[in-house]
Amino acid sequence: MQLQPSSIVILGAGLMGRLLAVELARQGHAVEVFDSGGPAAEHAAAPIAAAMLAPLAESAVTEPGVVRMGQYSLPRWREMLAALAQPVFFQQEGTLIVWHRQDATEAHRLQRLLETTQTTIPDLPTLQVLDSAGVAAAEPTLAHRFTQGLYLPGEGQLDNRQLLAALAHAMDRLQVRCHWHSPRDPGEFSPGSTGQADWLLDCRGLGARGQWRALRGVRGEVVRLHAPEVTLRRPTRVVHPRYPIYIAPKEDHLFVIGATEIESNDLSPASVRSTLELLSAAYAVHTGFAEARIVEIATQCRPTLPDNLPAVRQPRPRVLEVNGLYRHGFMIAPAMLDVVLELMATGQSPLATRFDLALPTGDDSRALP
């Protein structure tokens, strides 16, 4: 069931704001978007991400509901990307997890966690335990570097910046009214009143802290490298005593490397320590990274709620707030999109129940300091 033709205001044009704007405009609604940044989404968390779609891998740090959202979202991404006029790199070749000998204990703990997830969610593709030959078959360039590994079939990734550009292009084609560099506050709107839009959707991430006071920033630091001498077929995660490091290969030998999670709203440049750890981990995986060129070292803070889980909140009639996507934004965004569409159309969401997704109303406990 689709929402009757309406006028809709969206605050925030990061990942969720753009997905909602495009889908709602495609359904025939009049959509208006306000954002503090520009078409490049420079104030959002979305450009500073690896955009890995890895529900089983992420189950080590999140709840089953989020894993189910990620599993649901994989085929939805294929559908949505196919409808965009501009191409977006998308790959579904699984995830490889490897470790050095000294980290075997931590790796075995991770394996047990993933196996527990598969017991809880049996429709996930079964992980495969690899010996040295299996690692070499999965990633020939890693032959003789790692003697053990895990392969998680079916997981994927996309190019986040290509996607943001393609969504901006789609908004333009669909005649979405975009007000760039024009931040607005929800209190300025009274949806449903005379002369006002029918709906207000707040997707501002950390920009919504004035209304959703429990939001906090979790800082991430990401390095982008151009490494013509390195070839990796799929995202590779390296078990690390402090945090798992990921290497996500994009097109044209571009690699996104990250891992750091720091409880902070600090947006200053990356620290020397974090940068050295990321670069040394990449070099330990493949010596070809020694001759790579550093394209960018970037930082951003992810919008996160106290339980590290996403939520959709209705503080007043015809107003929905979507937030708390934390580190799982790209993995779960299509699921969040469809939940919001259900709520707008019927006031209920069977998908939210399936995903254990919180749907609080008003200033509930998740909104308190």
Protein backbone atom coordinates (compact mmCIF):
# COMPACT_ATOMS: atom_id res chain seq x y z
CA MET A 1 0.00 0.00 0.00
CA GLN A 2 1.42 3.35 -1.07
CA LEU A 3 0.95 6.73 0.55
CA GLN A 4 -1.58 8.99 -1.14
CA PRO A 5 0.07 11.82 -3.15
CA SER A 6 1.50 14.22 -0.61
CA SER A 7 3.92 17.07 -0.10
CA ILE A 8 6.93 16.06 1.98
CA VAL A 9 9.77 18.03 3.57
CA ILE A 10 13.00 16.16 4.36
CA LEU A 11 15.62 17.64 6.65
CA GLY A 12 19.08 16.28 5.91
CA ALA A 13 20.42 14.99 2.60
CA GLY A 14 22.82 12.34 3.74
CA LEU A 15 22.24 8.72 2.83
CA MET A 16 18.76 8.29 4.36
CA GLY A 17 17.53 11.70 3.27
CA ARG A 18 18.52 11.06 -0.34
CA LEU A 19 17.08 7.55 -0.46
CA LEU A 20 13.77 8.79 0.90
CA ALA A 21 13.70 11.79 -1.42
CA VAL A 22 14.29 9.67 -4.52
CA GLU A 23 11.81 6.92 -3.61
CA LEU A 24 9.06 9.33 -2.55
CA ALA A 25 9.53 11.53 -5.63
CA ARG A 26 9.46 8.41 -7.80
CA GLN A 27 6.10 7.53 -6.23
CA GLY A 28 4.74 10.91 -7.33
CA HIS A 29 5.03 12.97 -4.16
CA ALA A 30 6.20 16.58 -4.09
CA VAL A 31 9.49 16.48 -2.16
CA GLU A 32 11.51 19.36 -0.74
CA VAL A 33 14.92 18.83 0.90
CA PHE A 34 16.90 21.12 3.21
CA ASP A 35 20.53 20.40 4.06
CA SER A 36 23.35 22.24 5.80
CA GLY A 37 25.83 21.10 3.16
CA GLY A 38 25.92 20.77 -0.59
CA PRO A 39 25.33 18.04 -3.17
CA ALA A 40 28.61 16.32 -2.13
CA ALA A 41 27.11 15.66 1.34
CA GLU A 42 30.23 17.10 2.95
CA HIS A 43 28.56 17.47 6.36
CA ALA A 44 27.21 13.91 6.45
CA ALA A 45 28.81 10.72 7.71
CA ALA A 46 28.02 8.89 4.46
CA PRO A 47 31.02 10.06 2.33
CA ILE A 48 33.48 8.82 4.97
CA ALA A 49 32.65 5.13 4.89
CA ALA A 50 33.67 1.88 3.26
CA ALA A 51 30.01 1.04 2.46
CA MET A 52 30.40 -2.66 3.18
CA LEU A 53 27.19 -4.70 3.18
CA ALA A 54 28.29 -7.41 5.56
CA PRO A 55 25.53 -8.62 7.92
CA LEU A 56 27.30 -11.74 9.18
CA ALA A 57 30.64 -9.99 9.67
CA GLU A 58 28.94 -7.15 11.55
CA SER A 59 27.05 -9.57 13.78
CA ALA A 60 30.16 -9.64 15.97
CA VAL A 61 29.34 -6.11 17.12
CA THR A 62 25.56 -5.77 16.78
CA GLU A 63 22.20 -7.41 17.44
CA PRO A 64 20.29 -10.00 15.35
CA GLY A 65 17.72 -7.43 14.27
CA VAL A 66 20.40 -5.34 12.57
CA VAL A 67 21.79 -8.49 10.95
CA ARG A 68 18.34 -9.28 9.54
CA MET A 69 18.11 -5.70 8.25
CA GLY A 70 21.42 -6.17 6.46
CA GLN A 71 20.37 -9.46 4.93
CA TYR A 72 17.08 -7.92 3.75
CA SER A 73 18.89 -4.91 2.28
CA LEU A 74 21.28 -6.78 -0.02
CA PRO A 75 18.72 -7.62 -2.76
CA ARG A 76 17.03 -4.25 -2.25
CA TRP A 77 20.30 -2.51 -3.06
CA ARG A 78 20.41 -4.33 -6.40
CA GLU A 79 16.88 -3.15 -7.18
CA MET A 80 17.49 0.45 -6.21
CA LEU A 81 20.84 0.77 -7.96
CA ALA A 82 19.36 -0.66 -11.16
CA ALA A 83 16.81 2.17 -11.16
CA LEU A 84 19.45 4.93 -11.03
CA ALA A 85 20.60 6.61 -14.23
CA GLN A 86 24.22 6.91 -13.11
CA PRO A 87 26.27 3.74 -12.52
CA VAL A 88 27.29 2.81 -8.98
CA PHE A 89 29.94 0.18 -8.25
CA PHE A 90 28.29 -2.76 -6.48
CA GLN A 91 29.90 -6.06 -5.64
CA GLN A 92 28.60 -9.16 -3.88
CA GLU A 93 31.65 -11.44 -3.70
CA GLY A 94 31.63 -12.10 0.03
CA THR A 95 33.97 -11.05 2.83
CA LEU A 96 37.36 -12.56 3.64
CA ILE A 97 38.62 -12.52 7.24
CA VAL A 98 42.29 -13.29 7.91
CA TRP A 99 44.65 -13.02 10.88
CA HIS A 100 48.26 -13.24 11.86
CA ARG A 101 49.40 -16.13 14.00
CA GLN A 102 49.62 -14.05 17.18
CA ASP A 103 45.92 -13.13 16.85
CA ALA A 104 44.63 -16.71 16.49
CA THR A 105 42.86 -16.67 19.87
CA GLU A 106 40.89 -13.56 18.98
CA ALA A 107 40.12 -15.03 15.54
CA HIS A 108 38.71 -18.21 17.06
CA ARG A 109 36.55 -16.13 19.41
CA LEU A 110 35.23 -14.24 16.38
CA GLN A 111 34.51 -17.50 14.56
CA ARG A 112 32.43 -18.74 17.49
CA LEU A 113 30.45 -15.49 17.51
CA LEU A 114 29.69 -15.78 13.79
CA GLU A 115 28.67 -19.42 14.16
CA THR A 116 26.29 -18.42 16.96
CA THR A 117 24.73 -15.83 14.66
CA GLN A 118 24.17 -18.47 12.01
CA THR A 119 22.36 -20.63 14.55
CA THR A 120 20.12 -17.66 15.42
CA ILE A 121 19.57 -16.61 11.78
CA PRO A 122 19.82 -19.86 9.77
CA ASP A 123 19.05 -18.29 6.37
CA LEU A 124 22.42 -16.52 6.35
CA PRO A 125 24.94 -18.09 3.95
CA THR A 126 27.19 -20.51 5.81
CA LEU A 127 30.66 -19.25 6.61
CA GLN A 128 33.56 -21.31 5.30
CA VAL A 129 36.71 -22.07 7.29
CA LEU A 130 39.79 -21.77 5.05
CA ASP A 131 43.24 -23.29 5.29
CA SER A 132 46.24 -21.74 3.51
CA ALA A 133 45.14 -23.22 0.16
CA GLY A 134 41.64 -21.87 0.69
CA VAL A 135 42.94 -18.38 1.45
CA ALA A 136 45.09 -18.52 -1.70
CA ALA A 137 42.09 -19.59 -3.78
CA ALA A 138 39.93 -16.80 -2.39
CA GLU A 139 42.64 -14.11 -2.75
CA PRO A 140 45.60 -15.30 -4.84
CA THR A 141 47.68 -12.24 -3.91
CA LEU A 142 47.50 -13.31 -0.25
CA ALA A 143 48.94 -16.77 -0.93
CA HIS A 144 51.64 -17.71 1.61
CA ARG A 145 50.81 -14.65 3.75
CA PHE A 146 48.00 -16.18 5.80
CA THR A 147 47.56 -19.82 6.76
CA GLN A 148 43.96 -19.54 7.97
CA GLY A 149 40.88 -17.51 7.21
CA LEU A 150 37.10 -17.30 7.11
CA TYR A 151 35.05 -16.68 3.98
CA LEU A 152 31.56 -15.19 4.37
CA PRO A 153 29.65 -15.75 1.11
CA GLY A 154 27.02 -13.38 -0.19
CA GLU A 155 28.24 -10.24 1.51
CA GLY A 156 28.88 -7.15 -0.57
CA GLN A 157 29.90 -3.54 -0.86
CA LEU A 158 29.23 -0.48 -2.99
CA ASP A 159 30.92 2.82 -3.76
CA ASN A 160 29.43 5.30 -1.31
CA ARG A 161 30.48 8.44 -3.13
CA GLN A 162 29.25 7.23 -6.50
CA LEU A 163 25.94 6.41 -4.82
CA LEU A 164 25.58 9.84 -3.20
CA ALA A 165 26.28 11.50 -6.57
CA ALA A 166 23.82 9.22 -8.37
CA LEU A 167 21.12 9.97 -5.81
CA ALA A 168 21.72 13.72 -6.14
CA HIS A 169 21.39 13.34 -9.91
CA ALA A 170 18.18 11.36 -9.46
CA MET A 171 16.74 14.02 -7.15
CA ASP A 172 17.40 16.62 -9.83
CA ARG A 173 15.79 14.50 -12.55
CA LEU A 174 12.76 13.84 -10.35
CA GLN A 175 12.39 17.59 -9.64
CA VAL A 176 13.04 17.33 -5.94
CA ARG A 177 13.43 20.89 -4.63
CA CYS A 178 16.84 20.90 -2.97
CA HIS A 179 17.88 23.76 -0.70
CA TRP A 180 21.62 23.30 -0.22
CA HIS A 181 23.51 25.12 2.54
CA SER A 182 20.13 25.82 4.14
CA PRO A 183 19.80 24.09 7.52
CA ARG A 184 16.33 24.14 9.00
CA ASP A 185 14.89 23.17 12.37
CA PRO A 186 11.83 20.90 12.76
CA GLY A 187 10.17 23.55 14.90
CA GLU A 188 9.88 25.74 11.80
CA PHE A 189 7.34 23.33 10.28
CA SER A 190 3.78 22.33 11.18
CA PRO A 191 3.01 19.45 8.80
CA GLY A 192 -0.65 18.98 7.99
CA SER A 193 -1.49 22.64 8.69
CA THR A 194 -2.70 25.06 6.06
CA GLY A 195 0.14 26.10 3.76
CA GLN A 196 2.47 23.45 5.18
CA ALA A 197 3.72 20.14 3.83
CA ASP A 198 1.82 16.97 4.69
CA TRP A 199 4.86 15.23 6.22
CA LEU A 200 8.17 16.14 7.81
CA LEU A 201 11.03 13.61 7.83
CA ASP A 202 14.06 14.43 9.97
CA CYS A 203 17.18 12.60 8.73
CA ARG A 204 19.84 15.00 10.00
CA GLY A 205 21.99 12.52 11.91
CA LEU A 206 24.01 14.36 14.55
CA GLY A 207 22.39 17.58 13.38
CA ALA A 208 19.26 16.41 15.23
CA ARG A 209 20.86 16.41 18.68
CA GLY A 210 18.77 19.41 19.70
CA GLN A 211 15.64 17.25 19.38
CA TRP A 212 17.08 13.78 20.12
CA ARG A 213 19.37 14.48 23.03
CA ALA A 214 20.64 10.92 23.47
CA LEU A 215 22.49 11.06 20.15
CA ARG A 216 26.26 10.97 20.38
CA GLY A 217 29.09 10.90 17.89
CA VAL A 218 31.33 7.89 17.32
CA ARG A 219 34.38 9.08 15.43
CA GLY A 220 35.80 7.10 12.56
CA GLU A 221 39.03 7.61 10.61
CA VAL A 222 39.45 6.33 7.06
CA VAL A 223 42.37 6.27 4.65
CA ARG A 224 41.86 6.13 0.88
CA LEU A 225 44.76 4.74 -1.13
CA HIS A 226 45.46 4.34 -4.82
CA ALA A 227 47.50 1.14 -5.12
CA PRO A 228 48.02 -0.04 -8.74
CA GLU A 229 50.21 -2.90 -7.52
CA VAL A 230 47.51 -4.38 -5.30
CA THR A 231 44.62 -6.55 -6.41
CA LEU A 232 42.01 -7.76 -3.96
CA ARG A 233 38.80 -9.36 -5.15
CA ARG A 234 36.62 -8.49 -2.17
CA PRO A 235 36.60 -6.67 1.18
CA THR A 236 39.18 -8.17 3.53
CA ARG A 237 39.06 -7.87 7.31
CA VAL A 238 42.10 -8.40 9.48
CA VAL A 239 41.60 -9.57 13.06
CA HIS A 240 43.35 -7.11 15.36
CA PRO A 241 43.71 -7.14 19.17
CA ARG A 242 42.08 -3.72 19.52
CA TYR A 243 39.66 -3.64 16.57
CA PRO A 244 39.19 -5.42 13.23
CA ILE A 245 40.73 -3.52 10.33
CA TYR A 246 39.02 -3.62 6.95
CA ILE A 247 40.35 -3.08 3.45
CA ALA A 248 37.60 -2.45 0.89
CA PRO A 249 38.73 -2.51 -2.77
CA LYS A 250 36.81 -0.16 -5.04
CA GLU A 251 37.21 0.42 -8.76
CA ASP A 252 40.52 1.38 -10.42
CA HIS A 253 42.72 0.13 -7.57
CA LEU A 254 41.24 2.50 -5.01
CA PHE A 255 41.17 1.05 -1.49
CA VAL A 256 39.30 2.29 1.57
CA ILE A 257 40.97 1.30 4.84
CA GLY A 258 39.47 1.88 8.25
CA ALA A 259 38.62 0.49 11.66
CA THR A 260 38.91 3.14 14.32
CA GLU A 261 35.97 3.85 16.63
CA ILE A 262 36.45 6.62 19.15
CA GLU A 263 33.74 7.88 21.50
CA SER A 264 34.01 11.50 20.50
CA ASN A 265 32.34 14.30 18.56
CA ASP A 266 35.79 15.53 17.55
CA LEU A 267 36.09 16.27 13.83
CA SER A 268 39.74 17.29 13.86
CA PRO A 269 42.18 15.52 11.49
CA ALA A 270 43.15 11.90 12.05
CA SER A 271 45.76 11.15 14.69
CA VAL A 272 49.25 9.92 13.82
CA ARG A 273 48.64 6.77 15.86
CA SER A 274 45.46 5.82 13.98
CA THR A 275 46.99 6.59 10.61
CA LEU A 276 50.09 4.51 11.33
CA GLU A 277 47.98 1.59 12.53
CA LEU A 278 45.79 1.62 9.44
CA LEU A 279 48.69 1.93 7.01
CA SER A 280 50.84 -0.66 8.75
CA ALA A 281 47.93 -3.11 8.83
CA ALA A 282 47.39 -2.63 5.09
CA TYR A 283 51.09 -3.20 4.43
CA ALA A 284 51.03 -6.36 6.55
CA VAL A 285 48.25 -7.71 4.34
CA HIS A 286 49.93 -6.82 1.04
CA THR A 287 53.40 -5.30 0.60
CA GLY A 288 52.20 -3.62 -2.59
CA PHE A 289 50.62 -0.97 -0.39
CA ALA A 290 54.13 0.35 0.29
CA GLU A 291 54.06 2.09 -3.10
CA ALA A 292 50.45 3.22 -2.81
CA ARG A 293 49.56 6.90 -2.91
CA ILE A 294 47.54 8.41 -0.09
CA VAL A 295 44.51 9.99 -1.74
CA GLU A 296 42.80 11.10 1.46
CA ILE A 297 42.82 10.73 5.23
CA ALA A 298 39.38 11.67 6.49
CA THR A 299 37.40 11.73 9.72
CA GLN A 300 33.70 11.89 10.53
CA CYS A 301 31.38 11.12 13.42
CA ARG A 302 28.58 8.59 13.07
CA PRO A 303 25.21 9.36 14.71
CA THR A 304 24.70 6.80 17.46
CA LEU A 305 22.07 6.15 20.16
CA PRO A 306 22.90 4.72 23.62
CA ASP A 307 22.25 1.10 22.57
CA ASN A 308 24.08 1.51 19.22
CA LEU A 309 20.85 0.56 17.41
CA PRO A 310 18.83 2.51 14.82
CA ALA A 311 15.39 3.89 15.55
CA VAL A 312 12.49 5.69 13.91
CA ARG A 313 10.65 8.07 16.23
CA GLN A 314 7.38 9.97 15.86
CA PRO A 315 7.54 13.01 18.19
CA ARG A 316 4.27 14.43 16.85
CA PRO A 317 1.72 13.60 14.15
CA ARG A 318 3.09 13.55 10.58
CA VAL A 319 6.69 13.90 11.79
CA LEU A 320 9.14 11.00 11.64
CA GLU A 321 12.74 11.10 12.87
CA VAL A 322 15.16 8.52 11.45
CA ASN A 323 18.47 8.23 13.25
CA GLY A 324 21.09 6.17 15.05
CA LEU A 325 22.42 4.24 12.06
CA TYR A 326 25.87 4.17 13.69
CA ARG A 327 28.42 2.20 11.62
CA HIS A 328 25.75 0.23 9.76
CA GLY A 329 24.25 2.98 7.60
CA PHE A 330 24.85 1.54 4.15
CA MET A 331 24.24 -2.02 5.31
CA ILE A 332 20.75 -1.29 6.68
CA ALA A 333 19.58 1.81 4.78
CA PRO A 334 17.17 0.01 2.39
CA ALA A 335 15.51 -1.72 5.35
CA MET A 336 15.14 1.60 7.16
CA LEU A 337 13.74 3.15 3.98
CA ASP A 338 11.04 0.50 3.66
CA VAL A 339 10.11 0.78 7.35
CA VAL A 340 9.55 4.52 6.95
CA LEU A 341 7.48 3.99 3.79
CA GLU A 342 5.28 1.49 5.65
CA LEU A 343 4.79 3.87 8.57
CA MET A 344 3.84 6.74 6.28
CA ALA A 345 1.38 4.59 4.32
CA THR A 346 -0.38 2.75 7.15
CA GLY A 347 0.93 3.98 10.50
CA GLN A 348 2.34 0.50 11.16
CA SER A 349 5.39 -1.46 10.04
CA PRO A 350 5.55 -5.26 10.00
CA LEU A 351 9.16 -4.89 8.87
CA ALA A 352 10.04 -3.00 12.05
CA THR A 353 8.77 -5.94 14.09
CA ARG A 354 10.79 -8.35 11.96
CA PHE A 355 13.92 -6.26 12.55
CA ASP A 356 13.32 -5.59 16.28
CA LEU A 357 13.43 -1.93 15.35
CA ALA A 358 12.44 0.57 18.03
CA LEU A 359 9.55 2.86 17.08
CA PRO A 360 9.38 5.21 20.08
CA THR A 361 7.00 8.15 20.19
CA GLY A 362 7.53 11.52 21.81
CA ASP A 363 10.36 12.23 24.25
CA ASP A 364 10.82 8.64 25.44
CA SER A 365 13.71 7.23 27.44
CA ARG A 366 15.99 6.95 24.37
CA ALA A 367 15.73 10.71 24.01
CA LEU A 368 16.90 11.56 27.52
CA PRO A 369 20.48 12.66 28.32
